[in-house]
Amino acid sequence: MTKLSFGAHPHLLGFEQLERLVERTSKTEGYPPFNIEAVAENAYRITLAVAGFREADLSITVEDRQLVIRGRQPEDQDRRVFLHRGIAGRAFQRSFVLAEGVEVAGADLDHGLLHVDLRRTVPDTIVQTIPIRTAAKAEGESK
C-alpha cells in the first residue's frame, strides 16, 4: 500500500513540514489530562489538570512555534509515608504545535487547573498582481 504524503500533493506548495508536525503531535502521553476549547472566533484556551503543582513548579515556553508546558514538583523533603498515592505528581511535558499567527495571550493557575489562553491574529488580505513577461522581453532585459 502506498503512503500518501501531505508534501507530495500538487496543490499544497510549501507544506513539506506538515507531515512532520502531524507525526510530532501524535506522539503524546495521557498525563496530565487537558481540554482545548474555542472561546471566541480567534481565541482558544488550553486547560491542564495540574493538581498539587504550584506556579513555581510549572513553566510555559514557546519554542519554534511549539507551546511547551512543563511541570516538576520538588522532591518530598519531609519523607511522608503514603499508604496509597493516587494523586499523580510526576514530572511532565506537554507540547502543542501552534499555527502561524497564533500567540500565547496569557496563563492562569486556578484551583488546580492551568489555563493557557491563545489568540490568532488574522493578517490583512494582500492581493498582488504578478506581471507576465514574454520570452522576447526576457531576452531583451538580460542583455
C-alpha atoms as a PDB file:
ATOM      1  CA  MET A   1       0.000   0.000   0.000  1.00  0.00           C
ATOM      2  CA  THR A   2       1.373   3.434  -0.950  1.00  0.00           C
ATOM      3  CA  LYS A   3       1.603   6.063   1.775  1.00  0.00           C
ATOM      4  CA  LEU A   4       0.259   9.428   0.639  1.00  0.00           C
ATOM      5  CA  SER A   5       2.392  12.303   1.829  1.00  0.00           C
ATOM      6  CA  PHE A   6       0.996  15.788   2.509  1.00  0.00           C
ATOM      7  CA  GLY A   7       4.032  17.354   0.853  1.00  0.00           C
ATOM      8  CA  ALA A   8       3.541  15.313  -2.320  1.00  0.00           C
ATOM      9  CA  HIS A   9       0.099  16.739  -3.119  1.00  0.00           C
ATOM     10  CA  PRO A  10       0.389  19.088  -6.134  1.00  0.00           C
ATOM     11  CA  HIS A  11      -1.876  21.786  -4.631  1.00  0.00           C
ATOM     12  CA  LEU A  12      -0.034  22.029  -1.297  1.00  0.00           C
ATOM     13  CA  LEU A  13       3.071  24.004  -2.185  1.00  0.00           C
ATOM     14  CA  GLY A  14       5.435  24.789   0.680  1.00  0.00           C
ATOM     15  CA  PHE A  15       3.747  22.444   3.178  1.00  0.00           C
ATOM     16  CA  GLU A  16       6.560  19.897   3.351  1.00  0.00           C
ATOM     17  CA  GLN A  17       6.814  20.276   7.134  1.00  0.00           C
ATOM     18  CA  LEU A  18       3.137  19.497   7.710  1.00  0.00           C
ATOM     19  CA  GLU A  19       3.680  15.744   7.815  1.00  0.00           C
ATOM     20  CA  ARG A  20       6.486  16.136  10.382  1.00  0.00           C
ATOM     21  CA  LEU A  21       4.228  18.331  12.521  1.00  0.00           C
ATOM     22  CA  VAL A  22       1.451  15.734  12.440  1.00  0.00           C
ATOM     23  CA  GLU A  23       3.863  12.966  13.436  1.00  0.00           C
ATOM     24  CA  ARG A  24       5.360  15.086  16.226  1.00  0.00           C
ATOM     25  CA  THR A  25       1.970  15.890  17.742  1.00  0.00           C
ATOM     26  CA  SER A  26       0.672  12.322  17.515  1.00  0.00           C
ATOM     27  CA  LYS A  27       3.333  11.104  19.953  1.00  0.00           C
ATOM     28  CA  THR A  28       1.593  12.212  23.107  1.00  0.00           C
ATOM     29  CA  GLU A  29       1.225  10.858  26.618  1.00  0.00           C
ATOM     30  CA  GLY A  30      -2.003  10.947  28.619  1.00  0.00           C
ATOM     31  CA  TYR A  31      -0.671  12.924  31.617  1.00  0.00           C
ATOM     32  CA  PRO A  32      -1.757  15.455  32.597  1.00  0.00           C
ATOM     33  CA  PRO A  33      -5.240  15.437  31.090  1.00  0.00           C
ATOM     34  CA  PHE A  34      -6.212  18.555  29.179  1.00  0.00           C
ATOM     35  CA  ASN A  35      -9.028  20.313  27.341  1.00  0.00           C
ATOM     36  CA  ILE A  36      -8.856  22.596  24.315  1.00  0.00           C
ATOM     37  CA  GLU A  37     -11.749  24.945  23.699  1.00  0.00           C
ATOM     38  CA  ALA A  38     -12.617  27.752  21.330  1.00  0.00           C
ATOM     39  CA  VAL A  39     -13.622  30.711  23.484  1.00  0.00           C
ATOM     40  CA  ALA A  40     -14.151  33.160  20.607  1.00  0.00           C
ATOM     41  CA  GLU A  41     -13.724  33.232  16.839  1.00  0.00           C
ATOM     42  CA  ASN A  42      -9.944  33.723  17.061  1.00  0.00           C
ATOM     43  CA  ALA A  43      -9.286  32.747  20.682  1.00  0.00           C
ATOM     44  CA  TYR A  44      -8.579  29.371  22.269  1.00  0.00           C
ATOM     45  CA  ARG A  45      -7.931  28.042  25.763  1.00  0.00           C
ATOM     46  CA  ILE A  46      -5.911  25.014  26.764  1.00  0.00           C
ATOM     47  CA  THR A  47      -6.686  23.780  30.282  1.00  0.00           C
ATOM     48  CA  LEU A  48      -4.455  21.236  32.016  1.00  0.00           C
ATOM     49  CA  ALA A  49      -5.343  19.435  35.261  1.00  0.00           C
ATOM     50  CA  VAL A  50      -2.253  20.042  37.411  1.00  0.00           C
ATOM     51  CA  ALA A  51      -3.482  19.248  40.933  1.00  0.00           C
ATOM     52  CA  GLY A  52      -0.721  19.643  43.501  1.00  0.00           C
ATOM     53  CA  PHE A  53       1.510  21.803  41.282  1.00  0.00           C
ATOM     54  CA  ARG A  54       2.326  25.354  42.352  1.00  0.00           C
ATOM     55  CA  GLU A  55       3.092  28.236  39.999  1.00  0.00           C
ATOM     56  CA  ALA A  56       6.816  27.786  40.754  1.00  0.00           C
ATOM     57  CA  ASP A  57       6.608  24.113  39.658  1.00  0.00           C
ATOM     58  CA  LEU A  58       5.329  24.997  36.161  1.00  0.00           C
ATOM     59  CA  SER A  59       6.940  26.592  33.115  1.00  0.00           C
ATOM     60  CA  ILE A  60       5.422  27.654  29.805  1.00  0.00           C
ATOM     61  CA  THR A  61       7.617  28.396  26.787  1.00  0.00           C
ATOM     62  CA  VAL A  62       7.183  28.809  23.054  1.00  0.00           C
ATOM     63  CA  GLU A  63       9.971  27.150  21.102  1.00  0.00           C
ATOM     64  CA  ASP A  64       9.876  27.324  17.302  1.00  0.00           C
ATOM     65  CA  ARG A  65       6.046  27.613  17.059  1.00  0.00           C
ATOM     66  CA  GLN A  66       5.633  24.883  19.662  1.00  0.00           C
ATOM     67  CA  LEU A  67       3.978  25.628  23.007  1.00  0.00           C
ATOM     68  CA  VAL A  68       5.739  23.565  25.682  1.00  0.00           C
ATOM     69  CA  ILE A  69       4.274  23.242  29.184  1.00  0.00           C
ATOM     70  CA  ARG A  70       6.461  21.548  31.789  1.00  0.00           C
ATOM     71  CA  GLY A  71       5.800  20.617  35.383  1.00  0.00           C
ATOM     72  CA  ARG A  72       8.200  19.323  38.023  1.00  0.00           C
ATOM     73  CA  GLN A  73       7.479  19.119  41.732  1.00  0.00           C
ATOM     74  CA  PRO A  74      10.335  19.236  44.230  1.00  0.00           C
ATOM     75  CA  GLU A  75      11.248  16.005  45.985  1.00  0.00           C
ATOM     76  CA  ASP A  76       9.397  15.421  49.266  1.00  0.00           C
ATOM     77  CA  GLN A  77      11.599  16.927  51.962  1.00  0.00           C
ATOM     78  CA  ASP A  78       9.586  15.569  54.871  1.00  0.00           C
ATOM     79  CA  ARG A  79       9.700  11.938  53.654  1.00  0.00           C
ATOM     80  CA  ARG A  80       5.999  11.287  54.052  1.00  0.00           C
ATOM     81  CA  VAL A  81       4.874   7.662  54.100  1.00  0.00           C
ATOM     82  CA  PHE A  82       1.916   7.108  51.769  1.00  0.00           C
ATOM     83  CA  LEU A  83      -0.388   4.174  52.332  1.00  0.00           C
ATOM     84  CA  HIS A  84      -1.950   4.970  48.957  1.00  0.00           C
ATOM     85  CA  ARG A  85      -0.776   7.581  46.481  1.00  0.00           C
ATOM     86  CA  GLY A  86      -3.424   8.206  43.848  1.00  0.00           C
ATOM     87  CA  ILE A  87      -2.677  11.853  43.062  1.00  0.00           C
ATOM     88  CA  ALA A  88      -0.059  11.921  40.346  1.00  0.00           C
ATOM     89  CA  GLY A  89       2.722  14.375  40.966  1.00  0.00           C
ATOM     90  CA  ARG A  90       5.250  13.186  38.431  1.00  0.00           C
ATOM     91  CA  ALA A  91       7.107  15.477  36.096  1.00  0.00           C
ATOM     92  CA  PHE A  92       5.506  16.099  32.727  1.00  0.00           C
ATOM     93  CA  GLN A  93       5.952  17.875  29.446  1.00  0.00           C
ATOM     94  CA  ARG A  94       3.045  18.676  27.108  1.00  0.00           C
ATOM     95  CA  SER A  95       3.622  20.148  23.656  1.00  0.00           C
ATOM     96  CA  PHE A  96       1.202  21.822  21.270  1.00  0.00           C
ATOM     97  CA  VAL A  97       2.167  22.964  17.771  1.00  0.00           C
ATOM     98  CA  LEU A  98       0.929  26.499  17.107  1.00  0.00           C
ATOM     99  CA  ALA A  99      -0.209  27.587  13.660  1.00  0.00           C
ATOM    100  CA  GLU A 100       1.285  30.659  12.054  1.00  0.00           C
ATOM    101  CA  GLY A 101      -0.192  33.751  13.722  1.00  0.00           C
ATOM    102  CA  VAL A 102      -1.249  32.004  16.959  1.00  0.00           C
ATOM    103  CA  GLU A 103       0.271  33.600  20.059  1.00  0.00           C
ATOM    104  CA  VAL A 104       0.069  32.952  23.788  1.00  0.00           C
ATOM    105  CA  ALA A 105      -2.066  35.693  25.360  1.00  0.00           C
ATOM    106  CA  GLY A 106      -1.529  34.638  28.981  1.00  0.00           C
ATOM    107  CA  ALA A 107      -1.792  31.885  31.587  1.00  0.00           C
ATOM    108  CA  ASP A 108      -3.597  31.447  34.924  1.00  0.00           C
ATOM    109  CA  LEU A 109      -3.436  28.809  37.651  1.00  0.00           C
ATOM    110  CA  ASP A 110      -6.774  28.398  39.415  1.00  0.00           C
ATOM    111  CA  HIS A 111      -7.927  25.558  41.711  1.00  0.00           C
ATOM    112  CA  GLY A 112      -5.505  23.012  40.236  1.00  0.00           C
ATOM    113  CA  LEU A 113      -6.238  23.960  36.630  1.00  0.00           C
ATOM    114  CA  LEU A 114      -3.673  25.682  34.424  1.00  0.00           C
ATOM    115  CA  HIS A 115      -5.361  27.804  31.756  1.00  0.00           C
ATOM    116  CA  VAL A 116      -3.286  28.928  28.762  1.00  0.00           C
ATOM    117  CA  ASP A 117      -5.044  31.437  26.538  1.00  0.00           C
ATOM    118  CA  LEU A 118      -4.161  31.694  22.855  1.00  0.00           C
ATOM    119  CA  ARG A 119      -5.213  34.179  20.215  1.00  0.00           C
ATOM    120  CA  ARG A 120      -4.886  34.112  16.466  1.00  0.00           C
ATOM    121  CA  THR A 121      -4.051  37.332  14.697  1.00  0.00           C
ATOM    122  CA  VAL A 122      -5.718  37.470  11.311  1.00  0.00           C
ATOM    123  CA  PRO A 123      -3.383  39.028   8.749  1.00  0.00           C
ATOM    124  CA  ASP A 124      -4.663  41.555   6.261  1.00  0.00           C
ATOM    125  CA  THR A 125      -5.556  40.085   2.888  1.00  0.00           C
ATOM    126  CA  ILE A 126      -2.994  41.129   0.303  1.00  0.00           C
ATOM    127  CA  VAL A 127      -3.767  40.920  -3.399  1.00  0.00           C
ATOM    128  CA  GLN A 128      -0.651  41.016  -5.508  1.00  0.00           C
ATOM    129  CA  THR A 129      -0.595  41.286  -9.294  1.00  0.00           C
ATOM    130  CA  ILE A 130       2.284  39.479 -10.947  1.00  0.00           C
ATOM    131  CA  PRO A 131       3.421  40.837 -14.332  1.00  0.00           C
ATOM    132  CA  ILE A 132       3.797  38.288 -17.122  1.00  0.00           C
ATOM    133  CA  ARG A 133       6.884  38.587 -19.272  1.00  0.00           C
ATOM    134  CA  THR A 134       7.187  37.179 -22.739  1.00  0.00           C
ATOM    135  CA  ALA A 135      10.320  35.370 -23.912  1.00  0.00           C
ATOM    136  CA  ALA A 136      11.243  38.303 -26.226  1.00  0.00           C
ATOM    137  CA  LYS A 137      11.079  40.782 -23.309  1.00  0.00           C
ATOM    138  CA  ALA A 138      13.080  38.470 -21.039  1.00  0.00           C
ATOM    139  CA  GLU A 139      15.869  38.153 -23.678  1.00  0.00           C
ATOM    140  CA  GLY A 140      15.999  41.941 -24.165  1.00  0.00           C
ATOM    141  CA  GLU A 141      16.271  42.534 -20.397  1.00  0.00           C
ATOM    142  CA  SER A 142      19.126  40.064 -19.956  1.00  0.00           C
ATOM    143  CA  LYS A 143      21.399  41.951 -22.417  1.00  0.00           C
END
